[in-house]
Amino acid sequence: MQVTVRLFASLRDRAGADRVELELPEDATVGEALERLSWLTDGVPAVMAVNREYASPEQHLGAGDELALIPPVSGGQVASLHARITPEPLSLERLVELVRDPRAGAIVTFLGVTREVPALEYEAYAEMARAKLREILATASERHGLCAAAAEHRIGTVALSEPSVAIATSAPHRTEAFAGAREIIDEIKASAPIWKREEGEWVQGTVPRRGG
């Protein structure tokens, strides 16, 4: 399929035009589109907007979508965000690659793992949980000036010592990167619609905070 990507500010100047045309496979993702545009975004931490909303690399594109490539805005940096709910094993190395940024002098990671029992079972309202993770990442990124933030939570069976949640943040300095990672995991535990069953019993937690 052919899509049109609108360009603004420094990216428009680089391209010498206010839009570019891309030929993509059917059901292509935002990440694939960004890869095709790497010649244009080299050294610029740009993100993609789809239908006027910031989009994750995993989001699939349709022929009628309105696409825009967004460079850092004048009011502050645009943080790259990645959120995923998955039954697959988590890879911290992959998250580190997702948050690498030329502006960042620090990358902080966190893994939450199963302890003391053979396995835990996780269930999630996946669509809502993914949106909530993105909201948490965006809020922490804005509050702490993060360059990028990523969070993934596993569902299904998570065996002893395997990770159920993985977080990575990048920032110009370590203080902000640590603070952002701490806020993200605390907020995920407090408000993401994800449940845990331990040895056949659902673990009682807290009532989620409305409005994040």
C-alpha atoms as a PDB file:
ATOM      1  CA  MET A   1       0.000   0.000   0.000  1.00  0.00           C
ATOM      2  CA  GLN A   2       1.084   3.563  -0.551  1.00  0.00           C
ATOM      3  CA  VAL A   3       0.929   6.056   2.322  1.00  0.00           C
ATOM      4  CA  THR A   4       1.694   9.750   2.634  1.00  0.00           C
ATOM      5  CA  VAL A   5       3.696  10.978   5.621  1.00  0.00           C
ATOM      6  CA  ARG A   6       3.482  14.645   6.547  1.00  0.00           C
ATOM      7  CA  LEU A   7       6.691  16.395   7.619  1.00  0.00           C
ATOM      8  CA  PHE A   8       7.248  19.411   9.828  1.00  0.00           C
ATOM      9  CA  ALA A   9       9.989  21.807  10.942  1.00  0.00           C
ATOM     10  CA  SER A  10      13.533  20.363  10.700  1.00  0.00           C
ATOM     11  CA  LEU A  11      12.376  17.178   8.953  1.00  0.00           C
ATOM     12  CA  ARG A  12      10.543  19.192   6.312  1.00  0.00           C
ATOM     13  CA  ASP A  13      13.721  21.196   5.726  1.00  0.00           C
ATOM     14  CA  ARG A  14      15.789  18.038   5.412  1.00  0.00           C
ATOM     15  CA  ALA A  15      13.450  16.490   2.879  1.00  0.00           C
ATOM     16  CA  GLY A  16      12.873  19.700   0.955  1.00  0.00           C
ATOM     17  CA  ALA A  17       9.159  18.921   0.968  1.00  0.00           C
ATOM     18  CA  ASP A  18       6.267  18.870   3.404  1.00  0.00           C
ATOM     19  CA  ARG A  19       5.451  15.206   2.777  1.00  0.00           C
ATOM     20  CA  VAL A  20       6.949  11.968   1.459  1.00  0.00           C
ATOM     21  CA  GLU A  21       5.357   8.916  -0.138  1.00  0.00           C
ATOM     22  CA  LEU A  22       6.076   5.413   1.175  1.00  0.00           C
ATOM     23  CA  GLU A  23       5.314   2.052  -0.375  1.00  0.00           C
ATOM     24  CA  LEU A  24       4.621  -0.425   2.436  1.00  0.00           C
ATOM     25  CA  PRO A  25       3.324  -3.992   2.625  1.00  0.00           C
ATOM     26  CA  GLU A  26      -0.288  -4.480   3.654  1.00  0.00           C
ATOM     27  CA  ASP A  27      -0.737  -4.346   7.446  1.00  0.00           C
ATOM     28  CA  ALA A  28       2.713  -2.770   7.899  1.00  0.00           C
ATOM     29  CA  THR A  29       3.610  -1.416  11.330  1.00  0.00           C
ATOM     30  CA  VAL A  30       4.718   2.023  12.448  1.00  0.00           C
ATOM     31  CA  GLY A  31       8.139   0.535  13.148  1.00  0.00           C
ATOM     32  CA  GLU A  32       8.467  -0.591   9.528  1.00  0.00           C
ATOM     33  CA  ALA A  33       7.516   2.865   8.306  1.00  0.00           C
ATOM     34  CA  LEU A  34      10.084   4.462  10.604  1.00  0.00           C
ATOM     35  CA  GLU A  35      12.759   2.105   9.277  1.00  0.00           C
ATOM     36  CA  ARG A  36      11.967   3.236   5.717  1.00  0.00           C
ATOM     37  CA  LEU A  37      12.368   6.831   6.902  1.00  0.00           C
ATOM     38  CA  SER A  38      15.683   6.349   8.709  1.00  0.00           C
ATOM     39  CA  TRP A  39      17.481   8.269   5.943  1.00  0.00           C
ATOM     40  CA  LEU A  40      15.448  11.278   7.002  1.00  0.00           C
ATOM     41  CA  THR A  41      15.450  10.880  10.778  1.00  0.00           C
ATOM     42  CA  ASP A  42      19.149  10.070  11.271  1.00  0.00           C
ATOM     43  CA  GLY A  43      20.192  11.824  14.496  1.00  0.00           C
ATOM     44  CA  VAL A  44      16.680  13.208  15.107  1.00  0.00           C
ATOM     45  CA  PRO A  45      14.558  11.393  17.761  1.00  0.00           C
ATOM     46  CA  ALA A  46      11.345  11.557  15.751  1.00  0.00           C
ATOM     47  CA  VAL A  47       8.126   9.682  16.507  1.00  0.00           C
ATOM     48  CA  MET A  48       5.193   8.793  14.310  1.00  0.00           C
ATOM     49  CA  ALA A  49       1.675  10.137  14.775  1.00  0.00           C
ATOM     50  CA  VAL A  50      -1.180   8.103  13.309  1.00  0.00           C
ATOM     51  CA  ASN A  51      -4.540   9.812  12.957  1.00  0.00           C
ATOM     52  CA  ARG A  52      -3.221  12.613  15.173  1.00  0.00           C
ATOM     53  CA  GLU A  53      -2.170  10.351  18.072  1.00  0.00           C
ATOM     54  CA  TYR A  54       1.390   9.304  18.956  1.00  0.00           C
ATOM     55  CA  ALA A  55       1.813   5.669  17.939  1.00  0.00           C
ATOM     56  CA  SER A  56       3.922   2.760  19.176  1.00  0.00           C
ATOM     57  CA  PRO A  57       6.219   0.892  16.772  1.00  0.00           C
ATOM     58  CA  GLU A  58       3.908  -2.162  16.933  1.00  0.00           C
ATOM     59  CA  GLN A  59       0.798  -0.328  15.743  1.00  0.00           C
ATOM     60  CA  HIS A  60      -0.446  -1.515  12.363  1.00  0.00           C
ATOM     61  CA  LEU A  61      -1.170   0.945   9.579  1.00  0.00           C
ATOM     62  CA  GLY A  62      -4.054   1.141   7.149  1.00  0.00           C
ATOM     63  CA  ALA A  63      -4.252   2.727   3.720  1.00  0.00           C
ATOM     64  CA  GLY A  64      -6.511   5.526   4.959  1.00  0.00           C
ATOM     65  CA  ASP A  65      -4.461   6.512   7.998  1.00  0.00           C
ATOM     66  CA  GLU A  66      -3.160  10.061   8.368  1.00  0.00           C
ATOM     67  CA  LEU A  67       0.556   9.836   9.154  1.00  0.00           C
ATOM     68  CA  ALA A  68       2.941  12.500  10.411  1.00  0.00           C
ATOM     69  CA  LEU A  69       6.590  12.368  11.415  1.00  0.00           C
ATOM     70  CA  ILE A  70       7.098  14.463  14.560  1.00  0.00           C
ATOM     71  CA  PRO A  71      10.533  15.875  15.472  1.00  0.00           C
ATOM     72  CA  PRO A  72      11.197  17.258  18.993  1.00  0.00           C
ATOM     73  CA  VAL A  73       8.710  20.034  19.706  1.00  0.00           C
ATOM     74  CA  SER A  74       9.669  23.542  20.786  1.00  0.00           C
ATOM     75  CA  GLY A  75       8.131  23.098  24.226  1.00  0.00           C
ATOM     76  CA  GLY A  76      10.419  20.155  25.044  1.00  0.00           C
ATOM     77  CA  GLN A  77      11.599  16.816  23.756  1.00  0.00           C
ATOM     78  CA  VAL A  78       9.268  14.153  22.387  1.00  0.00           C
ATOM     79  CA  ALA A  79       9.966  10.915  24.215  1.00  0.00           C
ATOM     80  CA  SER A  80       9.879   7.651  22.320  1.00  0.00           C
ATOM     81  CA  LEU A  81       7.423   5.295  24.061  1.00  0.00           C
ATOM     82  CA  HIS A  82       6.976   1.525  23.825  1.00  0.00           C
ATOM     83  CA  ALA A  83       4.341  -0.509  25.688  1.00  0.00           C
ATOM     84  CA  ARG A  84       3.413  -4.164  25.229  1.00  0.00           C
ATOM     85  CA  ILE A  85       1.352  -6.887  26.893  1.00  0.00           C
ATOM     86  CA  THR A  86       2.572 -10.265  25.702  1.00  0.00           C
ATOM     87  CA  PRO A  87       2.557 -14.007  26.462  1.00  0.00           C
ATOM     88  CA  GLU A  88       6.121 -14.221  25.130  1.00  0.00           C
ATOM     89  CA  PRO A  89       9.274 -14.210  27.303  1.00  0.00           C
ATOM     90  CA  LEU A  90      10.584 -10.701  27.937  1.00  0.00           C
ATOM     91  CA  SER A  91      13.904  -9.446  26.602  1.00  0.00           C
ATOM     92  CA  LEU A  92      15.588  -6.675  28.535  1.00  0.00           C
ATOM     93  CA  GLU A  93      18.217  -6.348  25.799  1.00  0.00           C
ATOM     94  CA  ARG A  94      15.490  -5.514  23.280  1.00  0.00           C
ATOM     95  CA  LEU A  95      14.070  -2.820  25.544  1.00  0.00           C
ATOM     96  CA  VAL A  96      17.519  -1.297  25.995  1.00  0.00           C
ATOM     97  CA  GLU A  97      17.830  -1.023  22.221  1.00  0.00           C
ATOM     98  CA  LEU A  98      14.402   0.623  22.040  1.00  0.00           C
ATOM     99  CA  VAL A  99      15.355   3.379  24.488  1.00  0.00           C
ATOM    100  CA  ARG A 100      18.822   4.162  23.142  1.00  0.00           C
ATOM    101  CA  ASP A 101      18.959   7.831  22.203  1.00  0.00           C
ATOM    102  CA  PRO A 102      21.790  10.191  21.210  1.00  0.00           C
ATOM    103  CA  ARG A 103      20.619  12.641  23.885  1.00  0.00           C
ATOM    104  CA  ALA A 104      20.820  10.049  26.666  1.00  0.00           C
ATOM    105  CA  GLY A 105      23.726   9.693  29.055  1.00  0.00           C
ATOM    106  CA  ALA A 106      21.968   7.080  31.201  1.00  0.00           C
ATOM    107  CA  ILE A 107      19.838   3.986  30.634  1.00  0.00           C
ATOM    108  CA  VAL A 108      18.126   2.369  33.622  1.00  0.00           C
ATOM    109  CA  THR A 109      16.416  -1.030  33.541  1.00  0.00           C
ATOM    110  CA  PHE A 110      14.164  -2.960  35.907  1.00  0.00           C
ATOM    111  CA  LEU A 111      12.993  -6.583  35.928  1.00  0.00           C
ATOM    112  CA  GLY A 112      10.261  -7.921  38.183  1.00  0.00           C
ATOM    113  CA  VAL A 113      10.655 -11.708  38.513  1.00  0.00           C
ATOM    114  CA  THR A 114       8.756 -14.604  40.058  1.00  0.00           C
ATOM    115  CA  ARG A 115      10.086 -15.512  43.495  1.00  0.00           C
ATOM    116  CA  GLU A 116       9.514 -18.263  46.074  1.00  0.00           C
ATOM    117  CA  VAL A 117       6.892 -20.203  44.082  1.00  0.00           C
ATOM    118  CA  PRO A 118       7.233 -22.485  41.014  1.00  0.00           C
ATOM    119  CA  ALA A 119       5.210 -20.140  38.829  1.00  0.00           C
ATOM    120  CA  LEU A 120       2.733 -17.270  38.747  1.00  0.00           C
ATOM    121  CA  GLU A 121      -0.238 -16.833  36.409  1.00  0.00           C
ATOM    122  CA  TYR A 122      -0.955 -13.383  34.980  1.00  0.00           C
ATOM    123  CA  GLU A 123      -4.131 -12.176  33.300  1.00  0.00           C
ATOM    124  CA  ALA A 124      -4.773  -8.728  31.812  1.00  0.00           C
ATOM    125  CA  TYR A 125      -7.427  -6.658  30.139  1.00  0.00           C
ATOM    126  CA  ALA A 126      -4.836  -6.394  27.386  1.00  0.00           C
ATOM    127  CA  GLU A 127      -6.189  -3.527  25.299  1.00  0.00           C
ATOM    128  CA  MET A 128      -6.814  -1.320  28.327  1.00  0.00           C
ATOM    129  CA  ALA A 129      -3.552  -2.365  29.985  1.00  0.00           C
ATOM    130  CA  ARG A 130      -1.544  -1.444  26.882  1.00  0.00           C
ATOM    131  CA  ALA A 131      -3.182   1.983  26.758  1.00  0.00           C
ATOM    132  CA  LYS A 132      -2.592   2.461  30.486  1.00  0.00           C
ATOM    133  CA  LEU A 133       1.079   1.545  30.105  1.00  0.00           C
ATOM    134  CA  ARG A 134       1.487   4.139  27.366  1.00  0.00           C
ATOM    135  CA  GLU A 135      -0.224   6.744  29.555  1.00  0.00           C
ATOM    136  CA  ILE A 136       2.102   5.897  32.454  1.00  0.00           C
ATOM    137  CA  LEU A 137       5.159   6.085  30.204  1.00  0.00           C
ATOM    138  CA  ALA A 138       4.079   9.417  28.754  1.00  0.00           C
ATOM    139  CA  THR A 139       3.433  10.952  32.173  1.00  0.00           C
ATOM    140  CA  ALA A 140       6.760   9.770  33.598  1.00  0.00           C
ATOM    141  CA  SER A 141       8.618  10.909  30.484  1.00  0.00           C
ATOM    142  CA  GLU A 142       7.167  14.392  30.723  1.00  0.00           C
ATOM    143  CA  ARG A 143       7.719  14.664  34.477  1.00  0.00           C
ATOM    144  CA  HIS A 144      11.338  13.504  34.427  1.00  0.00           C
ATOM    145  CA  GLY A 145      12.478  14.647  30.991  1.00  0.00           C
ATOM    146  CA  LEU A 146      13.091  11.141  29.667  1.00  0.00           C
ATOM    147  CA  CYS A 147      14.419  10.607  26.168  1.00  0.00           C
ATOM    148  CA  ALA A 148      12.615   7.269  25.836  1.00  0.00           C
ATOM    149  CA  ALA A 149      10.716   4.783  27.964  1.00  0.00           C
ATOM    150  CA  ALA A 150       9.602   1.206  27.432  1.00  0.00           C
ATOM    151  CA  ALA A 151       7.532  -1.224  29.492  1.00  0.00           C
ATOM    152  CA  GLU A 152       6.387  -4.752  28.792  1.00  0.00           C
ATOM    153  CA  HIS A 153       4.259  -7.032  30.975  1.00  0.00           C
ATOM    154  CA  ARG A 154       3.889 -10.728  30.495  1.00  0.00           C
ATOM    155  CA  ILE A 155       0.634 -12.669  30.716  1.00  0.00           C
ATOM    156  CA  GLY A 156       0.177 -16.405  31.150  1.00  0.00           C
ATOM    157  CA  THR A 157       2.527 -18.614  33.132  1.00  0.00           C
ATOM    158  CA  VAL A 158       5.743 -17.052  34.419  1.00  0.00           C
ATOM    159  CA  ALA A 159       8.079 -19.582  36.010  1.00  0.00           C
ATOM    160  CA  LEU A 160      10.355 -19.096  39.017  1.00  0.00           C
ATOM    161  CA  SER A 161      13.034 -16.432  38.403  1.00  0.00           C
ATOM    162  CA  GLU A 162      11.576 -15.471  35.016  1.00  0.00           C
ATOM    163  CA  PRO A 163      10.556 -11.809  34.473  1.00  0.00           C
ATOM    164  CA  SER A 164       6.906 -10.780  34.434  1.00  0.00           C
ATOM    165  CA  VAL A 165       7.561  -7.074  33.886  1.00  0.00           C
ATOM    166  CA  ALA A 166      10.443  -5.259  32.220  1.00  0.00           C
ATOM    167  CA  ILE A 167      11.117  -1.522  32.115  1.00  0.00           C
ATOM    168  CA  ALA A 168      13.795   0.607  30.505  1.00  0.00           C
ATOM    169  CA  THR A 169      14.245   4.365  30.573  1.00  0.00           C
ATOM    170  CA  SER A 170      16.805   6.707  29.084  1.00  0.00           C
ATOM    171  CA  ALA A 171      17.558  10.297  30.061  1.00  0.00           C
ATOM    172  CA  PRO A 172      20.386  12.816  29.825  1.00  0.00           C
ATOM    173  CA  HIS A 173      21.344  12.060  33.460  1.00  0.00           C
ATOM    174  CA  ARG A 174      21.027   9.065  35.792  1.00  0.00           C
ATOM    175  CA  THR A 175      18.875  10.839  38.378  1.00  0.00           C
ATOM    176  CA  GLU A 176      16.051  11.367  35.902  1.00  0.00           C
ATOM    177  CA  ALA A 177      16.407   7.871  34.407  1.00  0.00           C
ATOM    178  CA  PHE A 178      16.170   6.217  37.852  1.00  0.00           C
ATOM    179  CA  ALA A 179      13.249   8.407  38.933  1.00  0.00           C
ATOM    180  CA  GLY A 180      11.356   7.707  35.720  1.00  0.00           C
ATOM    181  CA  ALA A 181      11.823   3.943  36.021  1.00  0.00           C
ATOM    182  CA  ARG A 182      10.696   3.981  39.661  1.00  0.00           C
ATOM    183  CA  GLU A 183       7.567   5.974  38.839  1.00  0.00           C
ATOM    184  CA  ILE A 184       6.691   3.684  35.929  1.00  0.00           C
ATOM    185  CA  ILE A 185       6.839   0.438  37.918  1.00  0.00           C
ATOM    186  CA  ASP A 186       4.980   1.980  40.866  1.00  0.00           C
ATOM    187  CA  GLU A 187       2.197   3.236  38.596  1.00  0.00           C
ATOM    188  CA  ILE A 188       1.932  -0.066  36.710  1.00  0.00           C
ATOM    189  CA  LYS A 189       1.453  -1.878  40.020  1.00  0.00           C
ATOM    190  CA  ALA A 190      -1.112   0.707  41.145  1.00  0.00           C
ATOM    191  CA  SER A 191      -3.301   1.184  38.088  1.00  0.00           C
ATOM    192  CA  ALA A 192      -2.735  -1.245  35.191  1.00  0.00           C
ATOM    193  CA  PRO A 193      -5.571  -3.837  34.858  1.00  0.00           C
ATOM    194  CA  ILE A 194      -3.318  -6.862  35.351  1.00  0.00           C
ATOM    195  CA  TRP A 195      -4.017  -9.685  37.821  1.00  0.00           C
ATOM    196  CA  LYS A 196      -1.793 -12.340  39.395  1.00  0.00           C
ATOM    197  CA  ARG A 197      -2.692 -15.830  40.598  1.00  0.00           C
ATOM    198  CA  GLU A 198      -0.347 -17.563  43.026  1.00  0.00           C
ATOM    199  CA  GLU A 199      -0.763 -21.243  43.849  1.00  0.00           C
ATOM    200  CA  GLY A 200      -4.371 -21.224  42.622  1.00  0.00           C
ATOM    201  CA  GLU A 201      -5.453 -18.041  44.411  1.00  0.00           C
ATOM    202  CA  TRP A 202      -5.830 -14.537  42.954  1.00  0.00           C
ATOM    203  CA  VAL A 203      -3.561 -12.159  44.821  1.00  0.00           C
ATOM    204  CA  GLN A 204      -5.480  -9.316  46.434  1.00  0.00           C
ATOM    205  CA  GLY A 205      -4.107  -5.902  45.528  1.00  0.00           C
ATOM    206  CA  THR A 206      -5.460  -2.363  45.532  1.00  0.00           C
ATOM    207  CA  VAL A 207      -8.357  -0.709  43.756  1.00  0.00           C
ATOM    208  CA  PRO A 208      -6.861   0.961  40.647  1.00  0.00           C
ATOM    209  CA  ARG A 209      -6.447   4.728  40.781  1.00  0.00           C
ATOM    210  CA  ARG A 210      -8.758   6.448  38.311  1.00  0.00           C
ATOM    211  CA  GLY A 211      -7.127   8.996  36.064  1.00  0.00           C
ATOM    212  CA  GLY A 212      -3.641   7.426  36.529  1.00  0.00           C
END
